[in-house]
Amino acid sequence: MNRVLIIDSGATKADWSLMQAGELVSEFKTPGIPPFFMSDEEISAQLAVIAGQTGDTVDGIFFYGTGCKAESSRKRLHAAFSAAFPSAAAIEIETDVLGAARALCGRQAGIACILGTGSNSVWYDGAQVLQNSGGYGYILGDEGSGAVLGRELIIAWLNRELPAELEQAFDAEYGLSRDAVIERVYRGETPSRFLAGFTPFLSAHLVSAFVQELLQRQFHLFVRRCVLPYPDARRLPVHFTGSVAFYFRGVLEGVLSEAGLQAGTFLAAPMEGLRGFHRV
């Protein structure tokens, strides 16, 4: 294929790369395309804008996205891309975790983890996903994710459990009322994005013992539920992608070491690795 589009889409944002003859032509960002939260009309409208930017003459499309495990979601996205890019002879709609595995492991065996707005992991043999853990959303899971870290921070703030200096800093930065927070979480369109938006505050106050304990507790939970159950967990490198993993790498590496695990590659986003994977 001469001209291909590679898309890595989370719940919050999507990274796009247009490649021609193995070389990068252009790259850009858009809001994410999570099929669980978007109608067919909304997806089609967003793709029409992209087709207007890139031109609809594309030979192949490789879309890796959150919420693409369900066959119904994959079919909806495939139909939308087919309509927006009628020249595409090949369209692959895959999960974000397969995208992470290809980006992080290439064609080698490993454990690939996502820690961004949500969290997820896969055991990968270098060609296919053998097992998947996590990805249940911030209510049922997503340990260590931005949404859950933000949720835990907000719970502590609502219950006045933050240390005084941290509470003062939080109020000064955000100026939120408790009613406003409850409204955004229970009636807002994208509560996971809203909650994940508080992770920069945690990063800015990383020296706080409260923040360190919160991060370590959540990362230990992620490792226990989403990494250690894999049979080869202690033999294979454990790779990470996602903003949470990238910016809290030091804390996460300490947790991995305590669990007897081998830290692998850390990428802020999978796109760099995906471009390399599809260039071969």
C-alpha atoms as a PDB file:
ATOM      1  CA  MET A   1       0.000   0.000   0.000  1.00  0.00           C
ATOM      2  CA  ASN A   2       1.399   3.346  -1.037  1.00  0.00           C
ATOM      3  CA  ARG A   3      -0.639   5.857   0.963  1.00  0.00           C
ATOM      4  CA  VAL A   4      -1.934   4.894   4.413  1.00  0.00           C
ATOM      5  CA  LEU A   5      -3.563   6.523   7.410  1.00  0.00           C
ATOM      6  CA  ILE A   6      -2.621   5.338  10.896  1.00  0.00           C
ATOM      7  CA  ILE A   7      -4.895   6.414  13.747  1.00  0.00           C
ATOM      8  CA  ASP A   8      -4.435   5.877  17.463  1.00  0.00           C
ATOM      9  CA  SER A   9      -7.587   6.967  19.269  1.00  0.00           C
ATOM     10  CA  GLY A  10      -8.197   7.158  22.983  1.00  0.00           C
ATOM     11  CA  ALA A  11     -11.318   8.400  24.697  1.00  0.00           C
ATOM     12  CA  THR A  12      -9.979  11.961  24.821  1.00  0.00           C
ATOM     13  CA  LYS A  13      -7.866  12.503  21.709  1.00  0.00           C
ATOM     14  CA  ALA A  14      -6.678  10.810  18.542  1.00  0.00           C
ATOM     15  CA  ASP A  15      -3.277  10.943  16.832  1.00  0.00           C
ATOM     16  CA  TRP A  16      -3.233  10.672  13.026  1.00  0.00           C
ATOM     17  CA  SER A  17      -0.321   9.984  10.683  1.00  0.00           C
ATOM     18  CA  LEU A  18      -0.529  10.034   6.895  1.00  0.00           C
ATOM     19  CA  MET A  19       2.245   7.908   5.370  1.00  0.00           C
ATOM     20  CA  GLN A  20       3.275   7.613   1.743  1.00  0.00           C
ATOM     21  CA  ALA A  21       5.812   5.026   0.553  1.00  0.00           C
ATOM     22  CA  GLY A  22       6.837   4.508   4.174  1.00  0.00           C
ATOM     23  CA  GLU A  23       7.525   8.190   4.839  1.00  0.00           C
ATOM     24  CA  LEU A  24       5.552  10.556   7.035  1.00  0.00           C
ATOM     25  CA  VAL A  25       3.561  13.080   5.003  1.00  0.00           C
ATOM     26  CA  SER A  26       1.629  14.770   7.806  1.00  0.00           C
ATOM     27  CA  GLU A  27       0.482  14.250  11.378  1.00  0.00           C
ATOM     28  CA  PHE A  28      -2.220  15.922  13.435  1.00  0.00           C
ATOM     29  CA  LYS A  29      -4.502  15.516  16.429  1.00  0.00           C
ATOM     30  CA  THR A  30      -8.281  15.458  16.745  1.00  0.00           C
ATOM     31  CA  PRO A  31     -10.740  14.630  19.504  1.00  0.00           C
ATOM     32  CA  GLY A  32     -10.945  10.890  20.117  1.00  0.00           C
ATOM     33  CA  ILE A  33     -13.416   8.628  18.338  1.00  0.00           C
ATOM     34  CA  PRO A  34     -14.777   6.348  21.091  1.00  0.00           C
ATOM     35  CA  PRO A  35     -17.647   4.392  19.482  1.00  0.00           C
ATOM     36  CA  PHE A  36     -19.424   3.860  22.821  1.00  0.00           C
ATOM     37  CA  PHE A  37     -19.874   7.602  23.262  1.00  0.00           C
ATOM     38  CA  MET A  38     -20.401   8.816  19.690  1.00  0.00           C
ATOM     39  CA  SER A  39     -23.297   8.334  17.304  1.00  0.00           C
ATOM     40  CA  ASP A  40     -22.797   7.202  13.719  1.00  0.00           C
ATOM     41  CA  GLU A  41     -23.578  10.743  12.591  1.00  0.00           C
ATOM     42  CA  GLU A  42     -20.940  12.247  14.890  1.00  0.00           C
ATOM     43  CA  ILE A  43     -18.294   9.783  13.727  1.00  0.00           C
ATOM     44  CA  SER A  44     -19.120  10.397  10.058  1.00  0.00           C
ATOM     45  CA  ALA A  45     -18.987  14.162  10.517  1.00  0.00           C
ATOM     46  CA  GLN A  46     -15.545  13.978  12.110  1.00  0.00           C
ATOM     47  CA  LEU A  47     -14.203  11.680   9.386  1.00  0.00           C
ATOM     48  CA  ALA A  48     -15.574  13.961   6.675  1.00  0.00           C
ATOM     49  CA  VAL A  49     -13.482  16.783   8.088  1.00  0.00           C
ATOM     50  CA  ILE A  50     -10.373  14.578   8.095  1.00  0.00           C
ATOM     51  CA  ALA A  51     -10.993  13.430   4.512  1.00  0.00           C
ATOM     52  CA  GLY A  52     -11.198  17.081   3.528  1.00  0.00           C
ATOM     53  CA  GLN A  53      -7.738  17.666   5.029  1.00  0.00           C
ATOM     54  CA  THR A  54      -5.967  14.559   3.746  1.00  0.00           C
ATOM     55  CA  GLY A  55      -7.878  13.936   0.537  1.00  0.00           C
ATOM     56  CA  ASP A  56      -9.952  10.807   0.261  1.00  0.00           C
ATOM     57  CA  THR A  57      -7.389   8.966  -1.875  1.00  0.00           C
ATOM     58  CA  VAL A  58      -6.010   6.607   0.740  1.00  0.00           C
ATOM     59  CA  ASP A  59      -5.003   3.017   0.020  1.00  0.00           C
ATOM     60  CA  GLY A  60      -5.104   1.670   3.553  1.00  0.00           C
ATOM     61  CA  ILE A  61      -6.380   2.642   6.987  1.00  0.00           C
ATOM     62  CA  PHE A  62      -5.168   1.249  10.313  1.00  0.00           C
ATOM     63  CA  PHE A  63      -7.361   2.414  13.185  1.00  0.00           C
ATOM     64  CA  TYR A  64      -6.526   1.466  16.769  1.00  0.00           C
ATOM     65  CA  GLY A  65      -9.059   2.670  19.276  1.00  0.00           C
ATOM     66  CA  THR A  66     -10.562   2.402  22.717  1.00  0.00           C
ATOM     67  CA  GLY A  67     -13.946   0.674  22.743  1.00  0.00           C
ATOM     68  CA  CYS A  68     -13.153  -1.409  19.655  1.00  0.00           C
ATOM     69  CA  LYS A  69     -13.260  -4.813  21.301  1.00  0.00           C
ATOM     70  CA  ALA A  70     -16.955  -5.250  20.528  1.00  0.00           C
ATOM     71  CA  GLU A  71     -17.674  -6.477  17.014  1.00  0.00           C
ATOM     72  CA  SER A  72     -20.566  -4.028  16.716  1.00  0.00           C
ATOM     73  CA  SER A  73     -18.221  -1.099  17.343  1.00  0.00           C
ATOM     74  CA  ARG A  74     -15.722  -2.383  14.793  1.00  0.00           C
ATOM     75  CA  LYS A  75     -18.439  -2.733  12.146  1.00  0.00           C
ATOM     76  CA  ARG A  76     -19.726   0.800  12.774  1.00  0.00           C
ATOM     77  CA  LEU A  77     -16.267   2.301  12.422  1.00  0.00           C
ATOM     78  CA  HIS A  78     -15.449   0.200   9.358  1.00  0.00           C
ATOM     79  CA  ALA A  79     -18.613   1.459   7.650  1.00  0.00           C
ATOM     80  CA  ALA A  80     -17.843   5.063   8.549  1.00  0.00           C
ATOM     81  CA  PHE A  81     -14.260   4.883   7.244  1.00  0.00           C
ATOM     82  CA  SER A  82     -15.414   3.110   4.070  1.00  0.00           C
ATOM     83  CA  ALA A  83     -17.837   5.929   3.358  1.00  0.00           C
ATOM     84  CA  ALA A  84     -15.325   8.701   4.107  1.00  0.00           C
ATOM     85  CA  PHE A  85     -12.414   7.054   2.224  1.00  0.00           C
ATOM     86  CA  PRO A  86     -13.942   5.047  -0.659  1.00  0.00           C
ATOM     87  CA  SER A  87     -10.554   4.400  -2.277  1.00  0.00           C
ATOM     88  CA  ALA A  88      -9.206   2.478   0.740  1.00  0.00           C
ATOM     89  CA  ALA A  89      -8.749  -1.141  -0.324  1.00  0.00           C
ATOM     90  CA  ALA A  90      -7.806  -2.230   3.198  1.00  0.00           C
ATOM     91  CA  ILE A  91      -9.360  -0.986   6.429  1.00  0.00           C
ATOM     92  CA  GLU A  92      -8.341  -2.506   9.760  1.00  0.00           C
ATOM     93  CA  ILE A  93     -10.246  -1.563  12.910  1.00  0.00           C
ATOM     94  CA  GLU A  94      -8.345  -2.884  15.910  1.00  0.00           C
ATOM     95  CA  THR A  95      -8.304  -2.390  19.659  1.00  0.00           C
ATOM     96  CA  ASP A  96      -6.104   0.196  21.301  1.00  0.00           C
ATOM     97  CA  VAL A  97      -4.326  -2.597  23.160  1.00  0.00           C
ATOM     98  CA  LEU A  98      -3.246  -4.311  19.932  1.00  0.00           C
ATOM     99  CA  GLY A  99      -2.025  -0.895  18.792  1.00  0.00           C
ATOM    100  CA  ALA A 100      -0.058  -0.533  22.023  1.00  0.00           C
ATOM    101  CA  ALA A 101       1.402  -4.026  21.618  1.00  0.00           C
ATOM    102  CA  ARG A 102       2.521  -3.357  18.050  1.00  0.00           C
ATOM    103  CA  ALA A 103       3.916   0.043  18.999  1.00  0.00           C
ATOM    104  CA  LEU A 104       5.782  -1.144  22.096  1.00  0.00           C
ATOM    105  CA  CYS A 105       6.777  -4.714  21.249  1.00  0.00           C
ATOM    106  CA  GLY A 106       6.959  -4.608  17.467  1.00  0.00           C
ATOM    107  CA  ARG A 107       7.267  -8.246  16.488  1.00  0.00           C
ATOM    108  CA  GLN A 108       8.720  -9.442  19.798  1.00  0.00           C
ATOM    109  CA  ALA A 109       6.880 -11.024  22.729  1.00  0.00           C
ATOM    110  CA  GLY A 110       6.061  -8.783  25.669  1.00  0.00           C
ATOM    111  CA  ILE A 111       3.418  -7.330  27.938  1.00  0.00           C
ATOM    112  CA  ALA A 112       2.028  -4.040  26.675  1.00  0.00           C
ATOM    113  CA  CYS A 113       0.145  -1.727  29.001  1.00  0.00           C
ATOM    114  CA  ILE A 114      -1.849   1.449  28.493  1.00  0.00           C
ATOM    115  CA  LEU A 115      -2.091   4.019  31.269  1.00  0.00           C
ATOM    116  CA  GLY A 116      -3.855   7.087  29.921  1.00  0.00           C
ATOM    117  CA  THR A 117      -7.412   8.262  30.506  1.00  0.00           C
ATOM    118  CA  GLY A 118      -8.203   4.554  30.950  1.00  0.00           C
ATOM    119  CA  SER A 119      -6.020   1.508  31.569  1.00  0.00           C
ATOM    120  CA  ASN A 120      -5.564  -1.856  29.917  1.00  0.00           C
ATOM    121  CA  SER A 121      -2.935  -4.503  29.202  1.00  0.00           C
ATOM    122  CA  VAL A 122      -2.207  -7.418  26.884  1.00  0.00           C
ATOM    123  CA  TRP A 123       0.069 -10.417  26.764  1.00  0.00           C
ATOM    124  CA  TYR A 124       1.478 -10.403  23.217  1.00  0.00           C
ATOM    125  CA  ASP A 125       3.481 -13.119  21.443  1.00  0.00           C
ATOM    126  CA  GLY A 126       4.921 -10.848  18.751  1.00  0.00           C
ATOM    127  CA  ALA A 127       2.081 -11.432  16.307  1.00  0.00           C
ATOM    128  CA  GLN A 128      -1.180 -11.595  18.210  1.00  0.00           C
ATOM    129  CA  VAL A 129      -2.739 -10.868  21.562  1.00  0.00           C
ATOM    130  CA  LEU A 130      -2.839 -13.993  23.718  1.00  0.00           C
ATOM    131  CA  GLN A 131      -4.708 -12.498  26.647  1.00  0.00           C
ATOM    132  CA  ASN A 132      -6.176  -9.161  27.672  1.00  0.00           C
ATOM    133  CA  SER A 133      -6.737  -7.786  31.174  1.00  0.00           C
ATOM    134  CA  GLY A 134      -8.510  -4.626  32.256  1.00  0.00           C
ATOM    135  CA  GLY A 135     -10.293  -2.067  30.164  1.00  0.00           C
ATOM    136  CA  TYR A 136     -13.507  -2.099  32.204  1.00  0.00           C
ATOM    137  CA  GLY A 137     -13.908   1.659  32.531  1.00  0.00           C
ATOM    138  CA  TYR A 138     -13.354   3.973  35.471  1.00  0.00           C
ATOM    139  CA  ILE A 139     -16.355   2.653  37.428  1.00  0.00           C
ATOM    140  CA  LEU A 140     -15.500  -1.063  37.248  1.00  0.00           C
ATOM    141  CA  GLY A 141     -11.749  -0.896  36.764  1.00  0.00           C
ATOM    142  CA  ASP A 142      -9.160   1.265  34.976  1.00  0.00           C
ATOM    143  CA  GLU A 143      -6.771   1.028  37.911  1.00  0.00           C
ATOM    144  CA  GLY A 144      -3.923   3.521  37.669  1.00  0.00           C
ATOM    145  CA  SER A 145      -5.573   5.466  34.855  1.00  0.00           C
ATOM    146  CA  GLY A 146      -5.959   9.218  34.666  1.00  0.00           C
ATOM    147  CA  ALA A 147      -9.706   8.932  35.231  1.00  0.00           C
ATOM    148  CA  VAL A 148      -9.270   6.840  38.376  1.00  0.00           C
ATOM    149  CA  LEU A 149      -6.393   8.945  39.724  1.00  0.00           C
ATOM    150  CA  GLY A 150      -8.592  12.004  39.237  1.00  0.00           C
ATOM    151  CA  ARG A 151     -11.547  10.217  40.796  1.00  0.00           C
ATOM    152  CA  GLU A 152      -9.526   9.312  43.896  1.00  0.00           C
ATOM    153  CA  LEU A 153      -8.261  12.885  44.204  1.00  0.00           C
ATOM    154  CA  ILE A 154     -11.801  14.253  43.900  1.00  0.00           C
ATOM    155  CA  ILE A 155     -13.169  11.766  46.447  1.00  0.00           C
ATOM    156  CA  ALA A 156     -10.543  12.898  48.938  1.00  0.00           C
ATOM    157  CA  TRP A 157     -11.304  16.550  48.186  1.00  0.00           C
ATOM    158  CA  LEU A 158     -15.070  16.073  48.537  1.00  0.00           C
ATOM    159  CA  ASN A 159     -14.576  14.419  51.907  1.00  0.00           C
ATOM    160  CA  ARG A 160     -12.011  16.995  53.053  1.00  0.00           C
ATOM    161  CA  GLU A 161      -9.326  14.344  53.353  1.00  0.00           C
ATOM    162  CA  LEU A 162      -6.630  16.271  51.474  1.00  0.00           C
ATOM    163  CA  PRO A 163      -3.763  17.706  53.493  1.00  0.00           C
ATOM    164  CA  ALA A 164      -4.414  21.407  54.169  1.00  0.00           C
ATOM    165  CA  GLU A 165      -1.728  22.690  51.796  1.00  0.00           C
ATOM    166  CA  LEU A 166      -2.924  20.401  49.001  1.00  0.00           C
ATOM    167  CA  GLU A 167      -6.558  21.441  49.486  1.00  0.00           C
ATOM    168  CA  GLN A 168      -5.592  25.108  49.362  1.00  0.00           C
ATOM    169  CA  ALA A 169      -3.606  24.566  46.170  1.00  0.00           C
ATOM    170  CA  PHE A 170      -6.483  22.627  44.604  1.00  0.00           C
ATOM    171  CA  ASP A 171      -9.052  25.315  45.423  1.00  0.00           C
ATOM    172  CA  ALA A 172      -6.753  28.076  44.184  1.00  0.00           C
ATOM    173  CA  GLU A 173      -6.127  26.300  40.866  1.00  0.00           C
ATOM    174  CA  TYR A 174      -9.631  25.094  40.020  1.00  0.00           C
ATOM    175  CA  GLY A 175     -12.095  27.185  42.022  1.00  0.00           C
ATOM    176  CA  LEU A 176     -14.698  24.438  41.829  1.00  0.00           C
ATOM    177  CA  SER A 177     -17.758  24.001  44.008  1.00  0.00           C
ATOM    178  CA  ARG A 178     -18.747  20.541  45.197  1.00  0.00           C
ATOM    179  CA  ASP A 179     -22.080  20.866  43.398  1.00  0.00           C
ATOM    180  CA  ALA A 180     -20.296  21.678  40.138  1.00  0.00           C
ATOM    181  CA  VAL A 181     -18.065  18.609  40.433  1.00  0.00           C
ATOM    182  CA  ILE A 182     -20.998  16.294  41.137  1.00  0.00           C
ATOM    183  CA  GLU A 183     -22.863  17.781  38.155  1.00  0.00           C
ATOM    184  CA  ARG A 184     -19.898  17.170  35.813  1.00  0.00           C
ATOM    185  CA  VAL A 185     -19.367  13.604  37.022  1.00  0.00           C
ATOM    186  CA  TYR A 186     -22.968  12.414  37.012  1.00  0.00           C
ATOM    187  CA  ARG A 187     -24.495  14.490  34.238  1.00  0.00           C
ATOM    188  CA  GLY A 188     -21.566  15.538  32.074  1.00  0.00           C
ATOM    189  CA  GLU A 189     -21.053  14.012  28.631  1.00  0.00           C
ATOM    190  CA  THR A 190     -17.504  12.751  29.261  1.00  0.00           C
ATOM    191  CA  PRO A 191     -16.918  12.293  33.011  1.00  0.00           C
ATOM    192  CA  SER A 192     -13.802  10.179  32.435  1.00  0.00           C
ATOM    193  CA  ARG A 193     -12.149  13.057  30.560  1.00  0.00           C
ATOM    194  CA  PHE A 194     -13.204  15.484  33.281  1.00  0.00           C
ATOM    195  CA  LEU A 195     -11.670  13.318  36.010  1.00  0.00           C
ATOM    196  CA  ALA A 196      -8.508  12.599  34.031  1.00  0.00           C
ATOM    197  CA  GLY A 197      -8.058  16.351  33.684  1.00  0.00           C
ATOM    198  CA  PHE A 198      -6.858  16.488  37.291  1.00  0.00           C
ATOM    199  CA  THR A 199      -3.741  14.375  36.721  1.00  0.00           C
ATOM    200  CA  PRO A 200      -1.562  17.447  35.957  1.00  0.00           C
ATOM    201  CA  PHE A 201      -2.337  18.607  39.499  1.00  0.00           C
ATOM    202  CA  LEU A 202      -0.955  15.326  40.842  1.00  0.00           C
ATOM    203  CA  SER A 203       2.142  15.731  38.685  1.00  0.00           C
ATOM    204  CA  ALA A 204       2.665  19.282  39.955  1.00  0.00           C
ATOM    205  CA  HIS A 205       2.489  18.044  43.561  1.00  0.00           C
ATOM    206  CA  LEU A 206       4.465  14.850  43.169  1.00  0.00           C
ATOM    207  CA  VAL A 207       6.541  15.540  46.295  1.00  0.00           C
ATOM    208  CA  SER A 208       3.411  15.313  48.439  1.00  0.00           C
ATOM    209  CA  ALA A 209       3.256  12.146  50.547  1.00  0.00           C
ATOM    210  CA  PHE A 210      -0.491  12.003  49.857  1.00  0.00           C
ATOM    211  CA  VAL A 211       0.070  12.057  46.085  1.00  0.00           C
ATOM    212  CA  GLN A 212       2.838   9.468  46.282  1.00  0.00           C
ATOM    213  CA  GLU A 213       0.634   7.122  48.309  1.00  0.00           C
ATOM    214  CA  LEU A 214      -2.296   7.586  45.903  1.00  0.00           C
ATOM    215  CA  LEU A 215      -0.119   6.831  42.853  1.00  0.00           C
ATOM    216  CA  GLN A 216       1.580   3.831  44.412  1.00  0.00           C
ATOM    217  CA  ARG A 217      -1.716   2.346  45.606  1.00  0.00           C
ATOM    218  CA  GLN A 218      -3.270   2.615  42.153  1.00  0.00           C
ATOM    219  CA  PHE A 219      -0.196   1.362  40.282  1.00  0.00           C
ATOM    220  CA  HIS A 220       0.087  -1.631  42.643  1.00  0.00           C
ATOM    221  CA  LEU A 221      -3.556  -2.422  41.907  1.00  0.00           C
ATOM    222  CA  PHE A 222      -2.916  -2.190  38.164  1.00  0.00           C
ATOM    223  CA  VAL A 223       0.085  -4.508  38.381  1.00  0.00           C
ATOM    224  CA  ARG A 224      -1.763  -7.015  40.584  1.00  0.00           C
ATOM    225  CA  ARG A 225      -4.866  -7.163  38.382  1.00  0.00           C
ATOM    226  CA  CYS A 226      -3.541  -6.479  34.904  1.00  0.00           C
ATOM    227  CA  VAL A 227       0.067  -7.736  34.767  1.00  0.00           C
ATOM    228  CA  LEU A 228       0.849 -10.435  37.324  1.00  0.00           C
ATOM    229  CA  PRO A 229      -1.923 -12.826  36.195  1.00  0.00           C
ATOM    230  CA  TYR A 230      -0.124 -13.417  32.877  1.00  0.00           C
ATOM    231  CA  PRO A 231       1.865 -16.699  32.966  1.00  0.00           C
ATOM    232  CA  ASP A 232       5.024 -15.059  31.547  1.00  0.00           C
ATOM    233  CA  ALA A 233       4.768 -11.819  33.547  1.00  0.00           C
ATOM    234  CA  ARG A 234       8.131 -12.155  35.288  1.00  0.00           C
ATOM    235  CA  ARG A 235       9.945 -13.406  32.195  1.00  0.00           C
ATOM    236  CA  LEU A 236       8.860 -10.784  29.674  1.00  0.00           C
ATOM    237  CA  PRO A 237       9.504  -7.020  29.610  1.00  0.00           C
ATOM    238  CA  VAL A 238       6.533  -4.918  30.699  1.00  0.00           C
ATOM    239  CA  HIS A 239       6.107  -1.932  28.370  1.00  0.00           C
ATOM    240  CA  PHE A 240       3.914   1.136  28.857  1.00  0.00           C
ATOM    241  CA  THR A 241       2.314   3.826  26.787  1.00  0.00           C
ATOM    242  CA  GLY A 242       0.008   6.678  27.763  1.00  0.00           C
ATOM    243  CA  SER A 243       0.489  10.038  29.411  1.00  0.00           C
ATOM    244  CA  VAL A 244       0.034   8.719  32.959  1.00  0.00           C
ATOM    245  CA  ALA A 245       2.713   6.042  32.536  1.00  0.00           C
ATOM    246  CA  PHE A 246       5.071   8.467  30.799  1.00  0.00           C
ATOM    247  CA  TYR A 247       4.844  11.300  33.338  1.00  0.00           C
ATOM    248  CA  PHE A 248       4.756   9.080  36.424  1.00  0.00           C
ATOM    249  CA  ARG A 249       7.395   6.708  35.104  1.00  0.00           C
ATOM    250  CA  GLY A 250       9.597   6.959  38.195  1.00  0.00           C
ATOM    251  CA  VAL A 251       6.821   5.902  40.564  1.00  0.00           C
ATOM    252  CA  LEU A 252       5.697   3.154  38.217  1.00  0.00           C
ATOM    253  CA  GLU A 253       9.193   1.724  37.795  1.00  0.00           C
ATOM    254  CA  GLY A 254       9.487   1.497  41.576  1.00  0.00           C
ATOM    255  CA  VAL A 255       6.222  -0.434  41.758  1.00  0.00           C
ATOM    256  CA  LEU A 256       7.363  -2.806  38.999  1.00  0.00           C
ATOM    257  CA  SER A 257      10.650  -3.427  40.792  1.00  0.00           C
ATOM    258  CA  GLU A 258       8.843  -4.236  44.035  1.00  0.00           C
ATOM    259  CA  ALA A 259       6.746  -6.780  42.147  1.00  0.00           C
ATOM    260  CA  GLY A 260       9.813  -8.408  40.572  1.00  0.00           C
ATOM    261  CA  LEU A 261       8.930  -7.244  37.079  1.00  0.00           C
ATOM    262  CA  GLN A 262      11.183  -6.010  34.282  1.00  0.00           C
ATOM    263  CA  ALA A 263      10.413  -2.485  33.066  1.00  0.00           C
ATOM    264  CA  GLY A 264      10.546  -2.118  29.297  1.00  0.00           C
ATOM    265  CA  THR A 265       9.872   0.785  26.940  1.00  0.00           C
ATOM    266  CA  PHE A 266       7.857   3.848  27.938  1.00  0.00           C
ATOM    267  CA  LEU A 267       6.158   5.904  25.215  1.00  0.00           C
ATOM    268  CA  ALA A 268       4.006   8.969  25.785  1.00  0.00           C
ATOM    269  CA  ALA A 269       1.822   7.811  22.876  1.00  0.00           C
ATOM    270  CA  PRO A 270       1.883   4.744  20.594  1.00  0.00           C
ATOM    271  CA  MET A 271       2.088   6.617  17.285  1.00  0.00           C
ATOM    272  CA  GLU A 272       5.873   6.685  16.992  1.00  0.00           C
ATOM    273  CA  GLY A 273       5.999   2.917  17.411  1.00  0.00           C
ATOM    274  CA  LEU A 274       3.039   2.343  15.096  1.00  0.00           C
ATOM    275  CA  ARG A 275       4.680   4.297  12.301  1.00  0.00           C
ATOM    276  CA  GLY A 276       7.727   2.059  12.639  1.00  0.00           C
ATOM    277  CA  PHE A 277       5.589  -1.086  12.707  1.00  0.00           C
ATOM    278  CA  HIS A 278       3.696  -0.181   9.535  1.00  0.00           C
ATOM    279  CA  ARG A 279       6.800   1.077   7.768  1.00  0.00           C
ATOM    280  CA  VAL A 280       8.286  -2.418   7.714  1.00  0.00           C
END
